[in-house]
Amino acid sequence: MDFARQSAEDKRLAAKMTDPMVRREGRGMSNHNGGLGRMLKFARSKSGMTQDQLAERLNVSTSLIAKFETNRLIPKHDTARDLDAVFDSAELFQESAAEARAFSGVTVWIRPWLEYEQHATMVRSFELTVVPGLLQTEDYARAILRDAGTRVPDLDGTVASRIARAAVLRRDDHPCRLFAVVDEAVLRRPVGGPKVMAEQLHAIVQACALPNVSVAVVPASAGAYPGLNGPLALATVDGRTVAFLDDPLGGRVVEDPDQVAALDEIWEAIREYALPARPSLELIMEAAESWS
């Protein structure tokens, strides 16, 4: 691409397209505010291609390219991979499209946490009442959002966004490590009905087959323990830890080091009450069969 004689905005985008760290990590641009469309338009124009020519290279319609550039649609994984091949941009468009899908349709208050989550090398999560978001199936997520009184402007878009978040666990380059702890009540609560629960718990078992995913269960026999005070999550991003606390009115990111340290201690205390990996998996499988 010829990056000469560019505007200030063009120079900013050019730096992102050519920076090796950005190209490798897929970071450096907030795609939930339209960055992906601007980036594609910039790459296409600087390569000297028209929308028609790019569409021909990708074997798609010109109208689809126009929708990508105006952020009306997000490229699917295969299309984003083809864009990276056309522009020799490593996995930049693939990573950017995945991030854009994760942010589409989500409410404003959770976006800061999702940005940390998408770039995390490790997430530690505790849930008292529901399956952690990174492990939810589509039907389970839909039932939670529909039946629990969650206020979302677009149910389908919010469900799709929640499912897209799990891509961090399966990304090709350094997948995120997930340590999840759940209360046994999560396995027993009939969210969406028996079929949905059986599929959800089998999905957790399948996720645990990944080398970077671990799920532990605090059995009902544990009685009172620190987790009864509510759910929490911690994400390790760029060598530091941030936390997230959920509540009925929304949620908040915690960045203060002292508060994060306190929440870290609480998470570790909760984990002490959880069963080891194998007994936890057996309990999840037993609960799954009970819903079948």
Protein backbone atom coordinates (compact mmCIF):
# COMPACT_ATOMS: atom_id res chain seq x y z
CA MET A 1 0.00 0.00 0.00
CA ASP A 2 1.12 3.57 -0.63
CA PHE A 3 0.84 5.45 2.66
CA ALA A 4 2.30 8.73 1.38
CA ARG A 5 0.55 12.11 1.63
CA GLN A 6 -2.08 10.94 4.10
CA SER A 7 -4.40 12.85 6.37
CA ALA A 8 -3.89 12.61 10.14
CA GLU A 9 -6.64 9.99 10.37
CA ASP A 10 -5.14 8.05 7.47
CA LYS A 11 -1.75 8.09 9.19
CA ARG A 12 -3.28 6.77 12.37
CA LEU A 13 -4.94 3.91 10.51
CA ALA A 14 -1.80 3.25 8.48
CA ALA A 15 0.18 2.86 11.68
CA LYS A 16 -2.32 0.34 12.93
CA MET A 17 -2.25 -1.61 9.68
CA THR A 18 1.56 -1.81 9.59
CA ASP A 19 2.45 -2.05 13.29
CA PRO A 20 3.66 -5.65 13.81
CA MET A 21 2.18 -5.82 17.31
CA VAL A 22 -1.23 -4.67 16.12
CA ARG A 23 -1.14 -7.04 13.16
CA ARG A 24 -0.17 -9.94 15.39
CA GLU A 25 -2.57 -9.27 18.21
CA GLY A 26 -5.48 -7.72 16.34
CA ARG A 27 -5.55 -4.86 18.84
CA GLY A 28 -5.19 -1.12 18.85
CA MET A 29 -8.56 -0.13 17.47
CA SER A 30 -11.97 -0.18 19.14
CA ASN A 31 -14.07 -2.06 16.63
CA HIS A 32 -17.30 -1.63 18.59
CA ASN A 33 -17.32 2.07 17.61
CA GLY A 34 -16.95 1.54 13.86
CA GLY A 35 -13.20 0.96 13.62
CA LEU A 36 -13.50 -2.19 11.51
CA GLY A 37 -15.43 -0.46 8.74
CA ARG A 38 -13.01 2.47 8.64
CA MET A 39 -10.06 0.12 8.62
CA LEU A 40 -11.44 -1.88 5.69
CA LYS A 41 -12.25 1.24 3.67
CA PHE A 42 -8.77 2.59 4.36
CA ALA A 43 -7.05 -0.66 3.34
CA ARG A 44 -9.10 -0.92 0.17
CA SER A 45 -8.57 2.67 -0.91
CA LYS A 46 -4.84 2.61 -0.22
CA SER A 47 -4.48 -0.59 -2.22
CA GLY A 48 -6.12 1.17 -5.19
CA MET A 49 -9.10 -1.19 -5.32
CA THR A 50 -12.72 -0.22 -5.87
CA GLN A 51 -15.50 -1.92 -3.97
CA ASP A 52 -16.32 -3.85 -7.14
CA GLN A 53 -12.73 -5.09 -7.46
CA LEU A 54 -12.52 -6.15 -3.81
CA ALA A 55 -15.87 -7.91 -4.11
CA GLU A 56 -14.56 -9.82 -7.12
CA ARG A 57 -11.42 -10.85 -5.24
CA LEU A 58 -13.54 -12.15 -2.37
CA ASN A 59 -16.25 -13.63 -4.61
CA VAL A 60 -18.97 -11.65 -2.82
CA SER A 61 -21.35 -8.87 -3.86
CA THR A 62 -20.35 -5.22 -4.01
CA SER A 63 -23.27 -4.38 -1.72
CA LEU A 64 -21.78 -6.66 0.92
CA ILE A 65 -18.49 -4.76 0.82
CA ALA A 66 -20.43 -1.51 1.21
CA LYS A 67 -22.23 -2.91 4.26
CA PHE A 68 -18.90 -3.93 5.82
CA GLU A 69 -17.43 -0.46 5.30
CA THR A 70 -20.48 1.29 6.79
CA ASN A 71 -20.63 -1.14 9.74
CA ARG A 72 -24.03 -2.47 8.79
CA LEU A 73 -22.61 -6.00 8.74
CA ILE A 74 -19.58 -7.66 10.33
CA PRO A 75 -17.54 -10.02 8.11
CA LYS A 76 -17.90 -13.68 8.98
CA HIS A 77 -14.75 -15.54 9.94
CA ASP A 78 -14.06 -16.95 6.45
CA THR A 79 -14.55 -13.55 4.84
CA ALA A 80 -12.32 -11.84 7.42
CA ARG A 81 -9.65 -14.47 6.74
CA ASP A 82 -9.88 -13.73 3.01
CA LEU A 83 -9.53 -10.00 3.74
CA ASP A 84 -6.34 -10.68 5.67
CA ALA A 85 -5.04 -12.65 2.69
CA VAL A 86 -5.91 -9.87 0.22
CA PHE A 87 -4.28 -7.12 2.30
CA ASP A 88 -1.45 -9.24 3.77
CA SER A 89 -2.54 -8.18 7.26
CA ALA A 90 -1.78 -11.35 9.26
CA GLU A 91 -4.94 -11.95 11.35
CA LEU A 92 -5.91 -8.32 11.85
CA PHE A 93 -9.31 -8.49 10.14
CA GLN A 94 -10.10 -11.84 11.75
CA GLU A 95 -9.35 -10.52 15.23
CA SER A 96 -11.14 -7.23 14.55
CA ALA A 97 -14.27 -8.97 13.24
CA ALA A 98 -14.37 -11.26 16.29
CA GLU A 99 -14.07 -8.25 18.60
CA ALA A 100 -16.77 -6.37 16.69
CA ARG A 101 -19.15 -9.33 17.00
CA ALA A 102 -18.48 -9.49 20.73
CA PHE A 103 -19.48 -5.84 21.16
CA SER A 104 -22.48 -5.71 18.81
CA GLY A 105 -25.82 -5.47 20.57
CA VAL A 106 -24.39 -5.18 24.07
CA THR A 107 -25.43 -2.58 26.61
CA VAL A 108 -23.06 0.29 27.36
CA TRP A 109 -22.25 -0.58 30.97
CA ILE A 110 -20.66 -3.93 30.15
CA ARG A 111 -18.51 -2.75 27.23
CA PRO A 112 -15.43 -1.78 29.31
CA TRP A 113 -15.34 -5.27 30.81
CA LEU A 114 -15.82 -6.97 27.42
CA GLU A 115 -12.86 -5.06 26.03
CA TYR A 116 -10.68 -6.38 28.83
CA GLU A 117 -12.12 -9.87 28.39
CA GLN A 118 -11.39 -9.91 24.65
CA HIS A 119 -7.71 -9.11 25.29
CA ALA A 120 -7.26 -11.23 28.41
CA THR A 121 -4.68 -13.98 28.71
CA MET A 122 -6.58 -15.41 31.69
CA VAL A 123 -10.10 -15.03 33.10
CA ARG A 124 -11.13 -16.32 36.52
CA SER A 125 -14.87 -16.37 37.06
CA PHE A 126 -17.23 -17.31 39.87
CA GLU A 127 -20.97 -17.64 39.35
CA LEU A 128 -23.48 -18.33 42.08
CA THR A 129 -26.67 -18.66 40.04
CA VAL A 130 -25.95 -18.95 36.30
CA VAL A 131 -23.43 -20.49 33.90
CA PRO A 132 -20.51 -18.09 33.20
CA GLY A 133 -21.08 -16.06 30.03
CA LEU A 134 -18.04 -17.50 28.23
CA LEU A 135 -19.54 -21.00 28.56
CA GLN A 136 -23.21 -20.32 27.79
CA THR A 137 -24.98 -22.00 24.88
CA GLU A 138 -27.24 -19.94 22.63
CA ASP A 139 -30.47 -21.39 24.04
CA TYR A 140 -29.32 -20.98 27.63
CA ALA A 141 -28.23 -17.38 27.02
CA ARG A 142 -31.53 -16.62 25.34
CA ALA A 143 -33.50 -18.04 28.27
CA ILE A 144 -31.45 -16.05 30.79
CA LEU A 145 -31.85 -12.78 28.89
CA ARG A 146 -35.53 -13.37 28.12
CA ASP A 147 -36.82 -14.76 31.41
CA ALA A 148 -34.65 -13.06 34.04
CA GLY A 149 -35.92 -9.56 33.26
CA THR A 150 -32.66 -8.39 31.72
CA ARG A 151 -33.23 -5.11 29.87
CA VAL A 152 -31.74 -5.44 26.40
CA PRO A 153 -32.81 -3.47 23.31
CA ASP A 154 -32.15 -6.36 20.89
CA LEU A 155 -32.49 -9.90 22.24
CA ASP A 156 -31.12 -11.67 19.16
CA GLY A 157 -28.17 -9.28 18.88
CA THR A 158 -27.35 -9.57 22.57
CA VAL A 159 -27.49 -13.37 22.44
CA ALA A 160 -25.20 -13.39 19.40
CA SER A 161 -22.78 -11.03 21.16
CA ARG A 162 -22.66 -13.21 24.25
CA ILE A 163 -21.93 -16.34 22.21
CA ALA A 164 -19.26 -14.51 20.17
CA ARG A 165 -17.35 -13.71 23.37
CA ALA A 166 -16.33 -17.38 23.66
CA ALA A 167 -14.05 -16.96 20.63
CA VAL A 168 -11.31 -15.84 23.02
CA LEU A 169 -11.12 -19.42 24.30
CA ARG A 170 -10.46 -20.83 20.83
CA ARG A 171 -8.37 -18.17 19.14
CA ASP A 172 -5.39 -19.52 17.25
CA ASP A 173 -2.81 -17.26 18.87
CA HIS A 174 -2.60 -17.65 22.67
CA PRO A 175 -6.18 -18.63 23.58
CA CYS A 176 -7.45 -17.18 26.83
CA ARG A 177 -7.14 -19.40 29.92
CA LEU A 178 -10.46 -19.78 31.74
CA PHE A 179 -10.77 -20.89 35.36
CA ALA A 180 -14.47 -20.98 36.24
CA VAL A 181 -16.02 -21.88 39.58
CA VAL A 182 -19.78 -22.35 39.87
CA ASP A 183 -22.11 -23.17 42.71
CA GLU A 184 -23.90 -26.52 42.38
CA ALA A 185 -27.17 -24.57 42.24
CA VAL A 186 -26.14 -23.48 38.72
CA LEU A 187 -26.35 -27.12 37.62
CA ARG A 188 -29.75 -27.67 39.22
CA ARG A 189 -31.65 -24.51 38.23
CA PRO A 190 -33.99 -25.29 35.25
CA VAL A 191 -33.11 -22.37 33.00
CA GLY A 192 -34.99 -22.79 29.73
CA GLY A 193 -36.22 -26.26 30.63
CA PRO A 194 -34.66 -29.75 30.81
CA LYS A 195 -33.49 -29.91 27.17
CA VAL A 196 -31.71 -26.56 27.37
CA MET A 197 -30.08 -27.53 30.67
CA ALA A 198 -28.91 -30.91 29.38
CA GLU A 199 -27.35 -29.31 26.30
CA GLN A 200 -25.77 -26.55 28.38
CA LEU A 201 -24.13 -28.91 30.86
CA HIS A 202 -22.89 -31.21 28.08
CA ALA A 203 -21.40 -28.08 26.44
CA ILE A 204 -19.50 -27.32 29.66
CA VAL A 205 -18.11 -30.86 29.68
CA GLN A 206 -17.00 -30.43 26.06
CA ALA A 207 -15.38 -27.06 26.87
CA CYS A 208 -13.41 -28.71 29.68
CA ALA A 209 -11.77 -30.92 27.05
CA LEU A 210 -9.89 -27.82 25.91
CA PRO A 211 -6.49 -27.55 27.59
CA ASN A 212 -7.15 -23.92 28.55
CA VAL A 213 -10.58 -24.38 30.20
CA SER A 214 -11.23 -25.60 33.76
CA VAL A 215 -14.55 -25.64 35.59
CA ALA A 216 -14.89 -26.47 39.28
CA VAL A 217 -18.08 -26.87 41.30
CA VAL A 218 -18.77 -25.83 44.89
CA PRO A 219 -21.07 -28.62 46.15
CA ALA A 220 -24.27 -27.86 48.01
CA SER A 221 -22.76 -29.65 51.01
CA ALA A 222 -20.25 -26.79 51.39
CA GLY A 223 -22.84 -24.78 53.29
CA ALA A 224 -22.00 -21.11 53.85
CA TYR A 225 -18.88 -19.88 52.02
CA PRO A 226 -17.54 -16.55 50.65
CA GLY A 227 -19.22 -17.03 47.25
CA LEU A 228 -22.65 -16.45 48.76
CA ASN A 229 -21.88 -12.72 48.64
CA GLY A 230 -22.21 -12.76 44.85
CA PRO A 231 -20.49 -13.40 41.51
CA LEU A 232 -17.21 -11.88 40.41
CA ALA A 233 -14.69 -12.15 37.59
CA LEU A 234 -11.01 -11.27 37.22
CA ALA A 235 -9.16 -10.78 33.93
CA THR A 236 -5.41 -10.69 33.41
CA VAL A 237 -4.63 -8.19 30.65
CA ASP A 238 -1.16 -6.99 29.66
CA GLY A 239 0.32 -8.22 32.93
CA ARG A 240 -2.21 -6.61 35.28
CA THR A 241 -5.50 -7.77 36.75
CA VAL A 242 -8.88 -6.05 36.59
CA ALA A 243 -12.16 -7.24 38.06
CA PHE A 244 -15.85 -7.11 37.30
CA LEU A 245 -18.79 -7.10 39.69
CA ASP A 246 -22.34 -7.71 38.47
CA ASP A 247 -25.55 -6.49 40.07
CA PRO A 248 -29.26 -6.11 39.16
CA LEU A 249 -28.73 -2.59 37.75
CA GLY A 250 -25.74 -3.44 35.58
CA GLY A 251 -22.15 -3.96 36.62
CA ARG A 252 -18.85 -2.23 37.07
CA VAL A 253 -15.19 -2.73 36.27
CA VAL A 254 -12.84 -2.54 39.26
CA GLU A 255 -9.32 -1.31 38.50
CA ASP A 256 -8.14 0.01 41.86
CA PRO A 257 -5.20 -2.27 42.84
CA ASP A 258 -6.26 -2.61 46.48
CA GLN A 259 -9.83 -3.53 45.58
CA VAL A 260 -8.66 -5.93 42.88
CA ALA A 261 -6.33 -7.59 45.39
CA ALA A 262 -9.22 -8.01 47.82
CA LEU A 263 -11.39 -9.60 45.12
CA ASP A 264 -8.49 -11.85 44.14
CA GLU A 265 -8.34 -13.11 47.73
CA ILE A 266 -12.10 -13.71 47.72
CA TRP A 267 -11.89 -15.72 44.48
CA GLU A 268 -9.09 -17.86 45.90
CA ALA A 269 -11.11 -18.40 49.08
CA ILE A 270 -14.10 -19.51 47.00
CA ARG A 271 -11.95 -21.94 45.01
CA GLU A 272 -10.90 -23.66 48.23
CA TYR A 273 -14.50 -24.79 48.69
CA ALA A 274 -14.73 -26.23 45.17
CA LEU A 275 -14.28 -29.89 44.29
CA PRO A 276 -11.12 -30.93 42.39
CA ALA A 277 -11.26 -31.11 38.60
CA ARG A 278 -12.31 -34.75 38.16
CA PRO A 279 -15.05 -34.83 40.84
CA SER A 280 -16.34 -31.48 39.51
CA LEU A 281 -16.56 -32.89 35.98
CA GLU A 282 -18.32 -36.00 37.25
CA LEU A 283 -20.85 -33.86 39.11
CA ILE A 284 -21.52 -31.79 35.97
CA MET A 285 -21.99 -34.96 33.91
CA GLU A 286 -24.32 -36.43 36.54
CA ALA A 287 -26.39 -33.25 36.54
CA ALA A 288 -26.49 -33.27 32.72
CA GLU A 289 -27.86 -36.82 32.72
CA SER A 290 -30.47 -35.84 35.30
CA TRP A 291 -31.89 -33.31 32.83
CA SER A 292 -31.99 -35.78 29.92
